[in-house]
């Protein structure tokens, strides 16, 4: 056994090297987080320390769940995203450990223990690769399965589950945004520091006489990552290798010293922490404002998020979802103001300014492009919003408009004033539109354009309402209950034989012609006129025709007061 000073120096050197490795791990972990937000290093450091502490006591890397939970609490993207980044971090570790065990085996080091570990990690790595291939091939089926499983729970848990699945998918998809050379550099430096620490730790164990023979880098590596380390705690692993009590204490101290430093680092004075962060931060990223972050989910409102994720995982309109993400991933959607229009209007922010964004896809995108051109043409005629940015392409159109924090929507403003004032405001607005827009731009009616407009705006929307799944289900009942009251269903009032057509007269004036038999409930106004004029029916015959089985009686009215009451007694 060598002098205590030598052992202490080796221990501190080994602990310092493993702490350096943790720093590079932190920098690598930050690379995944930086895709979506600026990493809060203080919370990440504590999360790593907490996770390592639990891993030191429990098997199967249970501490990684704690690491994700602690980090996610401080992230705007949430725990689901934090867990996805931890999975990515550990995924890379599996491959590195498999390569290292394979390298030790090829070099003839470690004997049977290393051979078993090499086989284990090789199979594990191949299974991970096969799983990735299957996920890519069966991605649509897996998305539906995620939706089905999450839909078992209430809306809150369902949304959390879908956000987690979305986070996991997009963390892998957005790896292309990570600087791969920097990722490789951080990985090499991290494992280089770890391996150097393991080699020095082996020398410290030999120095304290705790190994009973050779105990170098390979033996320490196998102690930490070998097959048995998966089944028992780190303390048990150290004991199972035949180490003395002194050597086991040395291993415990080696593990706990870096964790103590990691827990204490956030408590340092502000200027020291700033200096350390500046030393670890790449020059290109010294200022958070110099980086552009994607939004994991642009929507802020949970209902909007739930609706979007339902559409994504049910594979509805995949082209729309993909284009939506492409257009809106660099902004945060504060509120969706859409109300019936096929184009979506949202209040958004990009971190620097707040603005309105309007967008549409497909045929609606082409119509929105026409609207955008109209706004450009009439900018001098009406006090319209300024167009800040715009984008058009095959199958889509979007543009951003100015937002004023002091402005109030017309609907809300009208309803917050007395009726008389509201009416005056509306008259003023309508008069301005009539004088400045409608009359100057009026043109003769075009029957074909009118027909096209009616087909698009009325017939198409009526078709959507008629084909809506929830209305189809309600259509089968004669009566429906709403808020505890029974009502006759709309199916009893709508006749498939009632029709209307649109056209123009000889002067080009739009004309609506309607015909049919109506709903068949009660008396028809037009029918009553026809029976009286064409068939000579009197009012009693007409009433008995429409109200089959009804009795018609004549009742005299009483005069009011006491004498009327007395007269009624003798009738």
Protein backbone atom coordinates (compact mmCIF):
# COMPACT_ATOMS: atom_id res chain seq x y z
CA UNK A 1 0.00 0.00 0.00
CA UNK A 2 1.44 3.34 -1.05
CA UNK A 3 1.45 6.56 1.05
CA UNK A 4 -1.89 8.21 1.73
CA UNK A 5 -0.83 11.38 -0.10
CA UNK A 6 -0.23 9.41 -3.30
CA UNK A 7 -3.61 7.70 -3.05
CA UNK A 8 -5.35 11.01 -2.37
CA UNK A 9 -3.64 12.65 -5.35
CA UNK A 10 -4.69 9.79 -7.62
CA UNK A 11 -8.25 9.95 -6.28
CA UNK A 12 -8.55 13.70 -6.79
CA UNK A 13 -7.01 13.48 -10.26
CA UNK A 14 -9.45 10.72 -11.24
CA UNK A 15 -12.42 12.65 -9.80
CA UNK A 16 -11.34 15.81 -11.66
CA UNK A 17 -11.12 13.88 -14.94
CA UNK A 18 -14.56 12.33 -14.53
CA UNK A 19 -15.94 15.78 -13.67
CA UNK A 20 -14.39 17.07 -16.89
CA UNK A 21 -16.14 14.24 -18.73
CA UNK A 22 -19.45 15.31 -17.14
CA UNK A 23 -18.86 18.85 -18.42
CA UNK A 24 -18.48 17.59 -22.00
CA UNK A 25 -21.58 15.41 -21.50
CA UNK A 26 -23.47 18.52 -20.41
CA UNK A 27 -22.30 20.37 -23.53
CA UNK A 28 -23.37 17.43 -25.71
CA UNK A 29 -26.77 17.26 -24.02
CA UNK A 30 -27.21 20.98 -24.60
CA UNK A 31 -26.79 20.46 -28.34
CA UNK A 32 -30.10 18.57 -28.47
CA UNK A 33 -31.84 21.14 -26.27
CA UNK A 34 -30.57 24.12 -28.29
CA UNK A 35 -32.71 23.06 -31.24
CA UNK A 36 -35.78 24.30 -29.38
CA UNK A 37 -34.64 26.56 -26.53
CA UNK A 38 -31.69 28.14 -24.77
CA UNK A 39 -30.46 25.60 -22.16
CA UNK A 40 -30.56 26.61 -18.50
CA UNK A 41 -27.19 25.19 -17.49
CA UNK A 42 -27.80 25.54 -13.78
CA UNK A 43 -30.88 23.29 -13.82
CA UNK A 44 -29.28 20.84 -16.26
CA UNK A 45 -26.24 20.45 -13.99
CA UNK A 46 -28.38 19.69 -10.98
CA UNK A 47 -30.53 17.30 -12.99
CA UNK A 48 -27.42 15.40 -14.12
CA UNK A 49 -26.11 15.23 -10.54
CA UNK A 50 -29.45 13.95 -9.24
CA UNK A 51 -29.66 11.35 -11.99
CA UNK A 52 -26.11 10.08 -11.36
CA UNK A 53 -26.79 9.89 -7.60
CA UNK A 54 -29.82 7.65 -8.17
CA UNK A 55 -27.93 5.56 -10.73
CA UNK A 56 -25.23 5.05 -8.10
CA UNK A 57 -27.79 3.43 -5.79
CA UNK A 58 -30.22 1.71 -8.19
CA UNK A 59 -29.74 -0.45 -11.29
CA UNK A 60 -31.13 -0.08 -14.85
CA UNK A 61 -30.29 3.66 -15.04
CA UNK A 62 -33.42 4.61 -13.11
CA UNK A 63 -31.74 7.93 -12.36
CA UNK A 64 -32.15 8.97 -15.99
CA UNK A 65 -35.90 9.28 -15.39
CA UNK A 66 -35.18 11.64 -12.50
CA UNK A 67 -32.69 13.53 -14.66
CA UNK A 68 -35.37 14.11 -17.31
CA UNK A 69 -38.01 15.08 -14.74
CA UNK A 70 -35.76 17.62 -12.98
CA UNK A 71 -34.56 19.16 -16.24
CA UNK A 72 -38.05 19.23 -17.80
CA UNK A 73 -39.49 21.23 -14.90
CA UNK A 74 -37.32 24.19 -15.93
CA UNK A 75 -37.81 23.83 -19.69
CA UNK A 76 -40.52 25.58 -21.64
CA UNK A 77 -40.74 22.46 -23.83
CA UNK A 78 -41.51 20.27 -20.82
CA UNK A 79 -40.55 16.90 -19.37
CA UNK A 80 -41.46 14.93 -22.48
CA UNK A 81 -38.86 16.75 -24.52
CA UNK A 82 -36.28 16.46 -21.70
CA UNK A 83 -36.83 12.70 -21.58
CA UNK A 84 -36.45 12.48 -25.37
CA UNK A 85 -33.07 14.24 -25.19
CA UNK A 86 -31.92 11.91 -22.39
CA UNK A 87 -32.88 8.91 -24.54
CA UNK A 88 -30.83 10.37 -27.38
CA UNK A 89 -27.88 10.93 -25.04
CA UNK A 90 -28.00 7.35 -23.77
CA UNK A 91 -28.54 5.98 -27.26
CA UNK A 92 -25.17 7.39 -28.29
CA UNK A 93 -23.56 5.99 -25.13
CA UNK A 94 -24.68 2.44 -25.95
CA UNK A 95 -22.90 2.56 -29.29
CA UNK A 96 -19.71 4.02 -27.78
CA UNK A 97 -19.61 1.41 -24.99
CA UNK A 98 -20.23 -1.36 -27.55
CA UNK A 99 -17.33 -0.09 -29.68
CA UNK A 100 -15.01 0.16 -26.66
CA UNK A 101 -15.78 -3.36 -25.45
CA UNK A 102 -15.29 -4.60 -29.00
CA UNK A 103 -11.94 -2.79 -29.17
CA UNK A 104 -10.81 -4.28 -25.83
CA UNK A 105 -11.77 -7.75 -27.05
CA UNK A 106 -9.90 -7.35 -30.35
CA UNK A 107 -6.85 -6.23 -28.37
CA UNK A 108 -7.06 -9.39 -26.27
CA UNK A 109 -7.76 -7.54 -23.02
CA UNK A 110 -10.11 -8.42 -20.17
CA UNK A 111 -10.62 -12.13 -20.84
CA UNK A 112 -14.00 -13.81 -20.58
CA UNK A 113 -15.67 -10.91 -18.76
CA UNK A 114 -14.91 -8.48 -21.58
CA UNK A 115 -15.95 -11.07 -24.19
CA UNK A 116 -19.35 -11.47 -22.51
CA UNK A 117 -19.84 -7.72 -22.25
CA UNK A 118 -18.78 -7.20 -25.88
CA UNK A 119 -21.35 -9.76 -27.05
CA UNK A 120 -24.04 -8.24 -24.84
CA UNK A 121 -23.52 -4.68 -26.08
CA UNK A 122 -23.16 -5.81 -29.68
CA UNK A 123 -26.55 -7.53 -29.55
CA UNK A 124 -28.05 -4.56 -27.71
CA UNK A 125 -26.70 -2.08 -30.28
CA UNK A 126 -27.96 -4.21 -33.19
CA UNK A 127 -31.39 -4.46 -31.57
CA UNK A 128 -31.49 -0.67 -31.22
CA UNK A 129 -30.55 -0.29 -34.89
CA UNK A 130 -33.23 -2.80 -35.92
CA UNK A 131 -35.77 -1.01 -33.73
CA UNK A 132 -34.95 2.27 -35.46
CA UNK A 133 -35.45 0.69 -38.88
CA UNK A 134 -38.79 -0.78 -37.77
CA UNK A 135 -39.90 2.57 -36.35
CA UNK A 136 -39.16 4.24 -39.70
CA UNK A 137 -40.95 1.52 -41.68
CA UNK A 138 -43.97 1.32 -39.36
CA UNK A 139 -44.10 4.99 -38.37
CA UNK A 140 -47.72 5.49 -39.49
CA UNK A 141 -48.94 2.45 -37.57
CA UNK A 142 -46.97 3.50 -34.49
CA UNK A 143 -48.48 7.01 -34.63
CA UNK A 144 -51.98 5.52 -34.63
CA UNK A 145 -51.00 3.23 -31.74
CA UNK A 146 -49.70 6.23 -29.75
CA UNK A 147 -53.00 8.02 -30.29
CA UNK A 148 -55.01 4.94 -29.33
CA UNK A 149 -53.06 4.38 -26.10
CA UNK A 150 -53.13 8.05 -25.06
CA UNK A 151 -56.86 8.28 -25.81
CA UNK A 152 -57.54 5.78 -23.01
CA UNK A 153 -56.84 8.50 -20.43
CA UNK A 154 -58.41 11.87 -19.66
CA UNK A 155 -57.66 14.91 -21.81
CA UNK A 156 -54.78 16.17 -19.64
CA UNK A 157 -52.91 12.86 -19.56
CA UNK A 158 -53.70 12.27 -23.22
CA UNK A 159 -52.16 15.62 -24.18
CA UNK A 160 -49.06 14.94 -22.05
CA UNK A 161 -48.64 11.55 -23.72
CA UNK A 162 -49.02 12.93 -27.23
CA UNK A 163 -46.58 15.77 -26.47
CA UNK A 164 -44.03 13.21 -25.24
CA UNK A 165 -44.41 11.09 -28.40
CA UNK A 166 -44.19 14.22 -30.54
CA UNK A 167 -41.04 15.30 -28.66
CA UNK A 168 -39.38 11.93 -29.16
CA UNK A 169 -40.18 11.86 -32.88
CA UNK A 170 -38.99 15.39 -33.54
CA UNK A 171 -35.82 15.11 -31.45
CA UNK A 172 -34.67 12.33 -33.78
CA UNK A 173 -35.95 14.10 -36.91
CA UNK A 174 -34.26 17.40 -36.06
CA UNK A 175 -30.83 15.84 -35.45
CA UNK A 176 -29.94 17.25 -38.85
CA UNK A 177 -29.96 20.67 -37.18
CA UNK A 178 -27.26 19.61 -34.72
CA UNK A 179 -23.67 20.44 -35.59
CA UNK A 180 -22.44 16.86 -36.11
CA UNK A 181 -18.76 17.79 -35.97
CA UNK A 182 -19.26 19.47 -32.63
CA UNK A 183 -21.34 16.49 -31.46
CA UNK A 184 -18.50 14.16 -32.42
CA UNK A 185 -15.93 16.41 -30.71
CA UNK A 186 -17.92 16.56 -27.47
CA UNK A 187 -18.38 12.78 -27.52
CA UNK A 188 -14.67 12.11 -28.10
CA UNK A 189 -13.56 14.56 -25.41
CA UNK A 190 -16.17 13.23 -22.96
CA UNK A 191 -15.14 9.60 -23.34
CA UNK A 192 -11.46 10.55 -23.47
CA UNK A 193 -11.82 12.22 -20.06
CA UNK A 194 -13.81 9.26 -18.72
CA UNK A 195 -11.26 6.68 -19.91
CA UNK A 196 -8.39 8.70 -18.45
CA UNK A 197 -10.30 8.87 -15.16
CA UNK A 198 -10.86 5.10 -15.18
CA UNK A 199 -7.17 4.46 -15.78
CA UNK A 200 -6.15 6.76 -12.87
CA UNK A 201 -8.82 5.20 -10.64
CA UNK A 202 -7.36 1.77 -11.38
CA UNK A 203 -3.94 3.02 -10.29
CA UNK A 204 -5.47 4.43 -7.08
CA UNK A 205 -7.10 1.05 -6.31
CA UNK A 206 -3.76 -0.71 -6.82
CA UNK A 207 -2.02 1.95 -4.68
CA UNK A 208 -4.28 1.23 -1.73
CA UNK A 209 -3.73 -2.52 -2.15
CA UNK A 210 -7.38 -3.21 -2.77
CA UNK A 211 -7.24 -5.23 -6.00
CA UNK A 212 -4.87 -8.07 -5.14
CA UNK A 213 -3.26 -7.79 -8.56
CA UNK A 214 -3.59 -5.86 -11.80
CA UNK A 215 -6.55 -3.50 -11.95
CA UNK A 216 -6.28 -1.11 -14.84
CA UNK A 217 -8.50 0.72 -17.32
CA UNK A 218 -10.23 -2.39 -18.72
CA UNK A 219 -11.08 -3.76 -15.27
CA UNK A 220 -12.58 -0.44 -14.11
CA UNK A 221 -14.51 -0.13 -17.38
CA UNK A 222 -15.90 -3.63 -16.95
CA UNK A 223 -16.77 -2.88 -13.33
CA UNK A 224 -18.87 0.11 -14.40
CA UNK A 225 -20.38 -1.13 -17.67
CA UNK A 226 -20.05 -4.92 -17.65
CA UNK A 227 -22.97 -7.32 -17.76
CA UNK A 228 -23.23 -7.57 -13.96
CA UNK A 229 -23.51 -3.82 -13.57
CA UNK A 230 -26.92 -4.03 -15.19
CA UNK A 231 -28.27 -6.24 -12.40
CA UNK A 232 -26.73 -4.87 -9.19
CA UNK A 233 -25.83 -1.50 -7.72
CA UNK A 234 -22.43 0.10 -8.12
CA UNK A 235 -21.54 -0.77 -4.55
CA UNK A 236 -22.36 -4.39 -5.20
CA UNK A 237 -20.26 -4.42 -8.34
CA UNK A 238 -17.27 -3.12 -6.47
CA UNK A 239 -17.71 -5.79 -3.81
CA UNK A 240 -18.24 -8.58 -6.31
CA UNK A 241 -14.84 -7.95 -7.88
CA UNK A 242 -13.02 -8.87 -4.69
CA UNK A 243 -11.97 -5.34 -3.71
CA UNK A 244 -10.95 -4.58 -0.15
CA UNK A 245 -12.96 -2.27 2.07
CA UNK A 246 -10.43 0.51 1.43
CA UNK A 247 -10.77 0.10 -2.34
CA UNK A 248 -14.56 0.08 -2.14
CA UNK A 249 -14.46 3.30 -0.10
CA UNK A 250 -12.15 4.75 -2.74
CA UNK A 251 -14.66 3.92 -5.50
CA UNK A 252 -17.49 5.51 -3.48
CA UNK A 253 -15.45 8.66 -2.91
CA UNK A 254 -14.52 8.77 -6.62
CA UNK A 255 -18.18 8.67 -7.55
CA UNK A 256 -19.50 11.14 -4.97
CA UNK A 257 -16.85 13.87 -5.22
CA UNK A 258 -17.85 15.02 -8.75
CA UNK A 259 -21.53 14.93 -7.76
CA UNK A 260 -20.83 17.17 -4.76
CA UNK A 261 -19.08 19.65 -7.05
CA UNK A 262 -21.99 19.54 -9.52
CA UNK A 263 -24.53 20.21 -6.76
CA UNK A 264 -22.40 23.04 -5.34
CA UNK A 265 -21.51 24.74 -8.65
CA UNK A 266 -24.90 26.54 -9.02
CA UNK A 267 -24.34 28.04 -5.55
CA UNK A 268 -21.18 29.88 -6.61
CA UNK A 269 -21.28 33.69 -6.83
CA UNK A 270 -22.77 35.09 -9.99
CA UNK A 271 -19.50 36.42 -11.43
CA UNK A 272 -17.76 33.04 -10.98
CA UNK A 273 -20.63 31.16 -12.62
CA UNK A 274 -20.63 33.66 -15.48
CA UNK A 275 -16.89 33.13 -15.97
CA UNK A 276 -17.28 29.34 -15.98
CA UNK A 277 -20.21 29.51 -18.40
CA UNK A 278 -18.23 31.80 -20.67
CA UNK A 279 -15.32 29.36 -20.70
CA UNK A 280 -17.56 26.42 -21.54
CA UNK A 281 -19.77 28.26 -24.02
CA UNK A 282 -18.75 28.15 -27.71
CA UNK A 283 -17.87 31.57 -29.06
CA UNK A 284 -20.60 31.33 -31.71
CA UNK A 285 -23.24 30.88 -29.03
CA UNK A 286 -22.11 33.32 -26.33
CA UNK A 287 -25.30 35.32 -26.71
CA UNK A 288 -28.62 33.48 -26.60
CA UNK A 289 -30.12 36.05 -28.91
CA UNK A 290 -27.73 35.01 -31.69
CA UNK A 291 -29.38 31.62 -31.96
CA UNK A 292 -32.63 30.77 -33.69
CA UNK A 293 -34.75 28.22 -31.86
CA UNK A 294 -37.53 26.11 -33.30
CA UNK A 295 -40.80 25.69 -31.48
CA UNK A 296 -41.44 22.11 -30.47
CA UNK A 297 -45.15 22.93 -30.73
CA UNK A 298 -46.08 26.41 -31.96
CA UNK A 299 -49.44 26.43 -30.15
CA UNK A 300 -49.65 27.78 -26.60
CA UNK A 301 -53.28 26.94 -25.87
CA UNK A 302 -53.66 23.27 -24.74
CA UNK A 303 -56.84 22.87 -26.82
CA UNK A 304 -55.06 24.04 -29.97
CA UNK A 305 -52.18 21.69 -29.19
CA UNK A 306 -54.54 18.77 -28.64
CA UNK A 307 -56.40 19.41 -31.90
CA UNK A 308 -53.16 19.61 -33.88
CA UNK A 309 -51.65 16.49 -32.29
CA UNK A 310 -54.86 14.54 -32.86
CA UNK A 311 -54.65 15.45 -36.52
CA UNK A 312 -50.96 14.52 -36.68
CA UNK A 313 -51.20 11.13 -34.98
CA UNK A 314 -54.41 10.17 -36.79
CA UNK A 315 -52.56 10.89 -40.08
CA UNK A 316 -55.21 13.34 -41.28
CA UNK A 317 -53.96 15.50 -44.14
CA UNK A 318 -50.24 14.78 -43.75
CA UNK A 319 -49.32 17.39 -46.36
CA UNK A 320 -51.13 20.07 -44.35
CA UNK A 321 -49.36 19.08 -41.10
CA UNK A 322 -45.94 19.10 -42.76
CA UNK A 323 -46.50 22.52 -44.33
CA UNK A 324 -47.95 23.88 -41.06
CA UNK A 325 -44.78 22.88 -39.20
CA UNK A 326 -42.56 24.35 -41.92
CA UNK A 327 -44.37 27.71 -41.84
CA UNK A 328 -44.91 28.10 -38.10
CA UNK A 329 -42.00 26.34 -36.40
CA UNK A 330 -40.07 29.57 -35.80
CA UNK A 331 -42.93 31.36 -34.04
CA UNK A 332 -45.11 30.94 -30.95
CA UNK A 333 -48.87 30.96 -31.51
CA UNK A 334 -50.50 32.95 -28.70
CA UNK A 335 -54.12 32.67 -29.80
CA UNK A 336 -56.07 31.26 -32.73
CA UNK A 337 -58.68 33.75 -33.96
CA UNK A 338 -60.10 31.57 -36.73
CA UNK A 339 -63.88 31.55 -36.82
CA UNK A 340 -65.38 29.65 -39.73
CA UNK A 341 -63.02 30.80 -42.48
CA UNK A 342 -60.95 28.24 -44.35
CA UNK A 343 -57.94 30.49 -43.78
CA UNK A 344 -56.43 30.49 -40.28
CA UNK A 345 -55.72 33.76 -38.43
CA UNK A 346 -53.47 33.68 -35.35
CA UNK A 347 -51.83 36.08 -32.92
CA UNK A 348 -48.14 35.14 -32.86
CA UNK A 349 -44.75 36.23 -31.60
CA UNK A 350 -41.23 35.47 -32.76
CA UNK A 351 -39.59 36.74 -29.56
CA UNK A 352 -38.88 40.16 -31.04
CA UNK A 353 -42.38 41.32 -32.03
CA UNK A 354 -46.04 40.34 -31.86
CA UNK A 355 -48.07 40.12 -35.06
CA UNK A 356 -51.04 38.49 -36.76
CA UNK A 357 -50.42 35.62 -39.17
CA UNK A 358 -52.91 34.33 -41.71
CA UNK A 359 -52.33 31.21 -43.79
CA UNK A 360 -54.17 28.63 -45.91
CA UNK A 361 -53.32 25.57 -48.00
CA UNK A 362 -54.49 24.01 -51.24
CA UNK A 363 -57.28 25.80 -53.09
CA UNK A 364 -57.79 28.02 -50.04
CA UNK A 365 -54.12 29.01 -50.28
CA UNK A 366 -54.71 30.20 -53.86
CA UNK A 367 -57.72 32.23 -52.68
CA UNK A 368 -55.64 33.74 -49.87
CA UNK A 369 -53.01 34.73 -52.42
CA UNK A 370 -55.76 36.58 -54.32
CA UNK A 371 -56.78 38.26 -51.06
CA UNK A 372 -53.18 39.29 -50.45
CA UNK A 373 -53.01 40.84 -53.93
CA UNK A 374 -56.31 42.66 -53.22
CA UNK A 375 -54.91 44.06 -49.98
CA UNK A 376 -51.88 45.35 -51.85
CA UNK A 377 -54.07 47.03 -54.47
CA UNK A 378 -56.40 48.71 -51.96
CA UNK A 379 -53.82 49.72 -49.36
CA UNK A 380 -54.24 53.39 -50.32
CA UNK A 381 -58.04 53.22 -50.46
CA UNK A 382 -58.73 51.79 -46.97
CA UNK A 383 -56.94 51.93 -43.58
CA UNK A 384 -55.80 48.30 -43.83
CA UNK A 385 -53.19 46.52 -41.72
CA UNK A 386 -49.63 46.77 -42.93
CA UNK A 387 -48.31 43.55 -44.49
CA UNK A 388 -45.02 42.76 -42.76
CA UNK A 389 -43.97 39.50 -44.41
CA UNK A 390 -45.48 37.08 -46.86
CA UNK A 391 -44.81 33.74 -48.45
CA UNK A 392 -46.47 31.90 -51.31
CA UNK A 393 -45.72 28.65 -53.06
CA UNK A 394 -47.31 25.61 -54.57
CA UNK A 395 -50.37 24.87 -52.49
CA UNK A 396 -49.93 27.47 -49.72
CA UNK A 397 -49.96 31.18 -48.88
CA UNK A 398 -49.28 33.13 -45.68
CA UNK A 399 -48.71 36.70 -44.62
CA UNK A 400 -48.08 38.61 -41.37
CA UNK A 401 -49.89 41.79 -40.32
CA UNK A 402 -49.09 44.43 -37.73
CA UNK A 403 -50.47 44.09 -34.21
CA UNK A 404 -51.31 47.01 -31.92
CA UNK A 405 -51.59 46.28 -28.23
CA UNK A 406 -53.96 49.22 -27.76
CA UNK A 407 -56.34 48.12 -30.53
CA UNK A 408 -59.54 46.20 -29.78
CA UNK A 409 -61.41 43.90 -32.14
CA UNK A 410 -64.57 45.42 -33.64
CA UNK A 411 -66.84 42.67 -32.27
CA UNK A 412 -65.60 43.16 -28.71
CA UNK A 413 -65.61 46.94 -29.02
CA UNK A 414 -69.19 47.06 -30.32
CA UNK A 415 -70.46 44.82 -27.53
CA UNK A 416 -68.70 46.87 -24.84
CA UNK A 417 -70.61 50.07 -25.74
CA UNK A 418 -74.25 51.12 -25.21
CA UNK A 419 -76.59 49.96 -28.01
CA UNK A 420 -77.09 53.47 -29.37
CA UNK A 421 -73.38 54.15 -29.66
CA UNK A 422 -72.74 50.68 -31.13
CA UNK A 423 -75.36 51.28 -33.82
CA UNK A 424 -73.78 54.64 -34.69
CA UNK A 425 -70.34 53.03 -34.96
CA UNK A 426 -71.64 50.28 -37.23
CA UNK A 427 -73.43 52.79 -39.46
CA UNK A 428 -70.23 54.82 -39.73
CA UNK A 429 -68.17 51.74 -40.63
CA UNK A 430 -70.68 50.52 -43.21
CA UNK A 431 -71.00 54.00 -44.71
CA UNK A 432 -67.21 54.25 -45.05
CA UNK A 433 -67.03 50.86 -46.73
CA UNK A 434 -69.85 51.77 -49.10
CA UNK A 435 -68.35 55.12 -50.08
CA UNK A 436 -64.67 54.16 -50.20
CA UNK A 437 -64.84 50.58 -51.41
CA UNK A 438 -68.13 49.17 -52.66
CA UNK A 439 -69.32 51.99 -54.90
CA UNK A 440 -65.92 52.86 -56.45
CA UNK A 441 -65.21 49.20 -57.24
CA UNK A 442 -68.75 48.15 -58.29
CA UNK A 443 -69.09 46.25 -61.56
CA UNK A 444 -71.99 44.56 -63.40
CA UNK A 445 -73.09 41.21 -62.03
CA UNK A 446 -71.59 38.20 -63.78
CA UNK A 447 -73.97 35.19 -63.62
CA UNK A 448 -71.13 32.72 -63.94
CA UNK A 449 -69.13 34.32 -61.13
CA UNK A 450 -72.21 34.43 -58.92
CA UNK A 451 -72.90 30.76 -59.58
CA UNK A 452 -69.27 29.86 -58.88
CA UNK A 453 -69.31 31.83 -55.63
CA UNK A 454 -72.54 30.23 -54.44
CA UNK A 455 -71.24 26.77 -55.26
CA UNK A 456 -68.07 27.37 -53.28
CA UNK A 457 -69.39 29.33 -50.32
CA UNK A 458 -72.88 27.88 -49.83
CA UNK A 459 -73.19 24.46 -51.42
CA UNK A 460 -69.74 23.31 -50.31
CA UNK A 461 -70.26 24.48 -46.71
CA UNK A 462 -73.74 22.92 -46.55
CA UNK A 463 -72.21 19.69 -47.83
CA UNK A 464 -69.59 19.78 -45.06
CA UNK A 465 -72.27 20.32 -42.42
CA UNK A 466 -74.45 17.55 -43.80
CA UNK A 467 -71.55 15.09 -43.95
CA UNK A 468 -70.18 15.91 -40.49
CA UNK A 469 -69.90 12.68 -38.49
CA UNK A 470 -71.51 14.00 -35.30
CA UNK A 471 -74.51 15.42 -37.22
CA UNK A 472 -74.97 12.15 -39.11
CA UNK A 473 -75.25 10.34 -35.79
CA UNK A 474 -77.81 12.84 -34.45
CA UNK A 475 -79.79 12.73 -37.69
CA UNK A 476 -81.11 9.24 -36.83
CA UNK A 477 -83.21 10.44 -33.87
CA UNK A 478 -86.67 12.08 -33.94
CA UNK A 479 -86.03 14.06 -30.76
CA UNK A 480 -82.83 15.27 -29.12
CA UNK A 481 -82.14 16.52 -25.60
CA UNK A 482 -80.23 19.77 -25.06
CA UNK A 483 -79.57 21.08 -21.54
CA UNK A 484 -82.33 18.90 -20.12
CA UNK A 485 -85.00 19.89 -22.67
CA UNK A 486 -86.42 17.78 -25.48
CA UNK A 487 -86.55 19.21 -29.01
CA UNK A 488 -87.79 17.87 -32.32
CA UNK A 489 -84.81 16.99 -34.45
CA UNK A 490 -83.93 19.11 -37.45
CA UNK A 491 -84.42 16.08 -39.72
CA UNK A 492 -88.20 16.53 -39.27
CA UNK A 493 -88.10 20.08 -40.56
CA UNK A 494 -85.86 19.67 -43.61
CA UNK A 495 -87.24 18.21 -46.81
CA UNK A 496 -84.99 16.72 -49.48
CA UNK A 497 -87.60 17.95 -52.00
CA UNK A 498 -87.12 21.61 -51.05
CA UNK A 499 -84.69 23.29 -53.45
CA UNK A 500 -83.53 26.72 -54.50
CA UNK A 501 -81.63 28.03 -57.50
CA UNK A 502 -79.73 31.24 -58.10
CA UNK A 503 -79.55 33.26 -61.28
CA UNK A 504 -80.11 36.72 -62.71
CA UNK A 505 -83.02 38.44 -64.42
CA UNK A 506 -82.93 40.24 -67.76
CA UNK A 507 -81.27 43.28 -66.14
CA UNK A 508 -78.50 41.22 -64.51
CA UNK A 509 -80.00 41.51 -61.02
CA UNK A 510 -79.34 38.41 -58.85
CA UNK A 511 -82.51 36.34 -58.33
CA UNK A 512 -83.13 33.38 -55.99
CA UNK A 513 -85.86 30.92 -57.04
CA UNK A 514 -87.04 28.35 -54.50
CA UNK A 515 -89.50 25.50 -54.85
CA UNK A 516 -90.51 22.22 -53.24
CA UNK A 517 -92.90 20.84 -50.64
CA UNK A 518 -91.31 22.21 -47.49
CA UNK A 519 -90.93 20.23 -44.27
CA UNK A 520 -94.51 18.87 -44.18
CA UNK A 521 -95.10 19.94 -40.57
CA UNK A 522 -98.00 22.36 -39.85
CA UNK A 523 -99.73 24.58 -42.39
CA UNK A 524 -98.05 25.83 -45.56
CA UNK A 525 -98.57 29.51 -46.27
CA UNK A 526 -98.33 29.11 -50.04
CA UNK A 527 -100.41 25.93 -49.93
CA UNK A 528 -103.21 27.63 -48.01
CA UNK A 529 -103.37 30.41 -50.58
CA UNK A 530 -103.48 27.87 -53.38
CA UNK A 531 -106.28 25.83 -51.81
CA UNK A 532 -108.36 28.98 -51.23
CA UNK A 533 -107.79 30.60 -54.65
CA UNK A 534 -107.68 27.52 -56.91
CA UNK A 535 -109.93 25.00 -55.14
CA UNK A 536 -112.30 27.32 -53.29
CA UNK A 537 -111.70 25.88 -49.83
CA UNK A 538 -112.86 27.89 -46.85
CA UNK A 539 -110.75 28.37 -43.75
CA UNK A 540 -112.29 25.36 -41.93
CA UNK A 541 -111.52 23.00 -44.81
CA UNK A 542 -107.99 24.30 -45.07
CA UNK A 543 -107.36 23.87 -41.33
CA UNK A 544 -108.82 20.34 -41.33
CA UNK A 545 -106.63 19.47 -44.32
CA UNK A 546 -103.40 20.49 -42.57
CA UNK A 547 -104.33 19.50 -39.02
CA UNK A 548 -105.87 16.06 -39.45
CA UNK A 549 -108.18 15.05 -36.60
CA UNK A 550 -108.40 18.55 -35.12
CA UNK A 551 -111.81 19.91 -33.99
CA UNK A 552 -112.92 23.44 -34.84
CA UNK A 553 -115.12 25.13 -32.22
CA UNK A 554 -116.50 28.63 -31.82
CA UNK A 555 -116.07 30.22 -28.40
CA UNK A 556 -117.59 33.49 -27.24
CA UNK A 557 -115.53 35.87 -25.20
CA UNK A 558 -116.60 37.17 -21.85
CA UNK A 559 -116.86 40.80 -21.03
CA UNK A 560 -114.64 41.78 -18.17
CA UNK A 561 -115.53 42.61 -14.59
CA UNK A 562 -118.12 41.35 -12.13
CA UNK A 563 -121.07 41.43 -14.54
CA UNK A 564 -119.19 39.34 -17.08
CA UNK A 565 -118.47 36.76 -14.40
CA UNK A 566 -122.10 36.62 -13.29
CA UNK A 567 -123.27 36.27 -16.88
CA UNK A 568 -120.97 33.33 -17.35
CA UNK A 569 -122.59 31.48 -14.43
CA UNK A 570 -125.95 31.34 -16.23
CA UNK A 571 -124.73 30.18 -19.63
